[in-house]
């Protein structure tokens, strides 16, 4: 899992039918010191987060468990909004 900051929304007029109803957002990974890295990912937003929020992201095979489906073509999903964390 990773801590990330939501950078923006993705708008897709055409996408896989199994992604219908899910929002896609761009997230930027945070480094251990709390600063943003250069890596940006597109994640499925399962909880309705906003731009600028720090979120908890899971990736890979575990991402499919968050949607309770093996048939959805995803590998990055937001599973929580972070209220606070200690970067030390």
C-alpha atoms as a PDB file:
ATOM      1  CA  UNK A   1       0.000   0.000   0.000  1.00  0.00           C
ATOM      2  CA  UNK A   2       1.029   3.580  -0.587  1.00  0.00           C
ATOM      3  CA  UNK A   3       0.197   7.023   0.702  1.00  0.00           C
ATOM      4  CA  UNK A   4      -0.689   9.323  -2.188  1.00  0.00           C
ATOM      5  CA  UNK A   5      -2.116  12.778  -2.828  1.00  0.00           C
ATOM      6  CA  UNK A   6      -5.038  13.150  -5.221  1.00  0.00           C
ATOM      7  CA  UNK A   7      -3.913  15.449  -8.040  1.00  0.00           C
ATOM      8  CA  UNK A   8      -6.952  15.473 -10.321  1.00  0.00           C
ATOM      9  CA  UNK A   9      -9.870  13.670 -11.890  1.00  0.00           C
ATOM     10  CA  UNK A  10      -9.684  11.648 -15.104  1.00  0.00           C
ATOM     11  CA  UNK A  11     -12.528  11.934 -17.584  1.00  0.00           C
ATOM     12  CA  UNK A  12     -13.000   9.044 -19.960  1.00  0.00           C
ATOM     13  CA  UNK A  13     -15.741   9.014 -22.581  1.00  0.00           C
ATOM     14  CA  UNK A  14     -14.938   5.440 -23.517  1.00  0.00           C
ATOM     15  CA  UNK A  15     -13.785   2.825 -21.015  1.00  0.00           C
ATOM     16  CA  UNK A  16     -14.175  -0.859 -20.251  1.00  0.00           C
ATOM     17  CA  UNK A  17     -17.811  -1.653 -19.384  1.00  0.00           C
ATOM     18  CA  UNK A  18     -16.744  -3.216 -16.099  1.00  0.00           C
ATOM     19  CA  UNK A  19     -15.457   0.207 -14.980  1.00  0.00           C
ATOM     20  CA  UNK A  20     -18.875   1.835 -15.440  1.00  0.00           C
ATOM     21  CA  UNK A  21     -19.857   3.676 -12.276  1.00  0.00           C
ATOM     22  CA  UNK A  22     -16.305   4.097 -11.008  1.00  0.00           C
ATOM     23  CA  UNK A  23     -14.455   7.414 -10.962  1.00  0.00           C
ATOM     24  CA  UNK A  24     -10.822   7.544 -12.022  1.00  0.00           C
ATOM     25  CA  UNK A  25      -8.379   9.938 -10.358  1.00  0.00           C
ATOM     26  CA  UNK A  26      -4.703  10.781 -10.711  1.00  0.00           C
ATOM     27  CA  UNK A  27      -2.694  10.209  -7.537  1.00  0.00           C
ATOM     28  CA  UNK A  28       0.920  11.097  -6.779  1.00  0.00           C
ATOM     29  CA  UNK A  29       2.898   8.837  -4.462  1.00  0.00           C
ATOM     30  CA  UNK A  30       4.392  10.273  -1.277  1.00  0.00           C
ATOM     31  CA  UNK A  31       7.974   9.573  -0.227  1.00  0.00           C
ATOM     32  CA  UNK A  32       8.888   8.492   3.309  1.00  0.00           C
ATOM     33  CA  UNK A  33       9.657  12.110   4.208  1.00  0.00           C
ATOM     34  CA  UNK A  34       6.120  13.163   3.249  1.00  0.00           C
ATOM     35  CA  UNK A  35       7.076  14.952   0.020  1.00  0.00           C
ATOM     36  CA  UNK A  36       5.578  13.956  -3.303  1.00  0.00           C
ATOM     37  CA  UNK A  37       7.519  11.738  -5.683  1.00  0.00           C
ATOM     38  CA  UNK A  38       7.559  12.059  -9.464  1.00  0.00           C
ATOM     39  CA  UNK A  39       5.368   8.970  -9.883  1.00  0.00           C
ATOM     40  CA  UNK A  40       1.741   9.550 -10.854  1.00  0.00           C
ATOM     41  CA  UNK A  41      -0.800   6.735 -11.074  1.00  0.00           C
ATOM     42  CA  UNK A  42      -4.421   6.527 -12.217  1.00  0.00           C
ATOM     43  CA  UNK A  43      -6.558   4.896  -9.541  1.00  0.00           C
ATOM     44  CA  UNK A  44     -10.158   3.803  -9.201  1.00  0.00           C
ATOM     45  CA  UNK A  45     -11.825   5.970  -6.545  1.00  0.00           C
ATOM     46  CA  UNK A  46     -14.096   3.777  -4.435  1.00  0.00           C
ATOM     47  CA  UNK A  47     -14.765   6.316  -1.681  1.00  0.00           C
ATOM     48  CA  UNK A  48     -15.339   9.717  -3.287  1.00  0.00           C
ATOM     49  CA  UNK A  49     -12.140  11.556  -2.442  1.00  0.00           C
ATOM     50  CA  UNK A  50     -11.337  15.152  -3.381  1.00  0.00           C
ATOM     51  CA  UNK A  51      -8.359  16.797  -5.042  1.00  0.00           C
ATOM     52  CA  UNK A  52      -5.605  17.506  -2.516  1.00  0.00           C
ATOM     53  CA  UNK A  53      -6.602  14.770  -0.065  1.00  0.00           C
ATOM     54  CA  UNK A  54      -4.071  12.230   1.166  1.00  0.00           C
ATOM     55  CA  UNK A  55      -5.325   8.734   0.412  1.00  0.00           C
ATOM     56  CA  UNK A  56      -4.349   5.121   1.000  1.00  0.00           C
ATOM     57  CA  UNK A  57      -3.837   3.211  -2.248  1.00  0.00           C
ATOM     58  CA  UNK A  58      -3.457  -0.505  -2.821  1.00  0.00           C
ATOM     59  CA  UNK A  59      -2.060  -2.002  -6.010  1.00  0.00           C
ATOM     60  CA  UNK A  60      -1.743  -5.220  -7.945  1.00  0.00           C
ATOM     61  CA  UNK A  61      -3.896  -8.247  -7.316  1.00  0.00           C
ATOM     62  CA  UNK A  62      -5.068  -6.794  -3.982  1.00  0.00           C
ATOM     63  CA  UNK A  63      -6.769  -3.926  -5.809  1.00  0.00           C
ATOM     64  CA  UNK A  64      -9.362  -6.340  -7.178  1.00  0.00           C
ATOM     65  CA  UNK A  65     -10.300  -7.391  -3.637  1.00  0.00           C
ATOM     66  CA  UNK A  66     -11.314  -3.807  -2.873  1.00  0.00           C
ATOM     67  CA  UNK A  67     -13.978  -4.042  -5.571  1.00  0.00           C
ATOM     68  CA  UNK A  68     -14.866  -7.624  -4.671  1.00  0.00           C
ATOM     69  CA  UNK A  69     -14.465  -8.706  -8.282  1.00  0.00           C
ATOM     70  CA  UNK A  70     -11.819 -10.544 -10.255  1.00  0.00           C
ATOM     71  CA  UNK A  71     -13.330  -9.339 -13.518  1.00  0.00           C
ATOM     72  CA  UNK A  72     -12.677  -5.583 -13.197  1.00  0.00           C
ATOM     73  CA  UNK A  73      -9.505  -4.577 -15.103  1.00  0.00           C
ATOM     74  CA  UNK A  74      -7.747  -2.548 -12.392  1.00  0.00           C
ATOM     75  CA  UNK A  75      -4.445  -2.596 -10.566  1.00  0.00           C
ATOM     76  CA  UNK A  76      -4.638   0.619  -8.482  1.00  0.00           C
ATOM     77  CA  UNK A  77      -7.529   1.505  -6.151  1.00  0.00           C
ATOM     78  CA  UNK A  78      -8.101   4.027  -3.372  1.00  0.00           C
ATOM     79  CA  UNK A  79      -9.226   2.298  -0.184  1.00  0.00           C
ATOM     80  CA  UNK A  80      -9.126   5.097   2.404  1.00  0.00           C
ATOM     81  CA  UNK A  81      -8.765   8.794   3.126  1.00  0.00           C
ATOM     82  CA  UNK A  82      -5.911   9.567   5.527  1.00  0.00           C
ATOM     83  CA  UNK A  83      -6.717  12.027   8.321  1.00  0.00           C
ATOM     84  CA  UNK A  84      -3.144  12.301   9.546  1.00  0.00           C
ATOM     85  CA  UNK A  85       0.180  10.487   9.525  1.00  0.00           C
ATOM     86  CA  UNK A  86       3.662  10.830  11.015  1.00  0.00           C
ATOM     87  CA  UNK A  87       6.341  11.180   8.329  1.00  0.00           C
ATOM     88  CA  UNK A  88       9.243  10.846  10.803  1.00  0.00           C
END
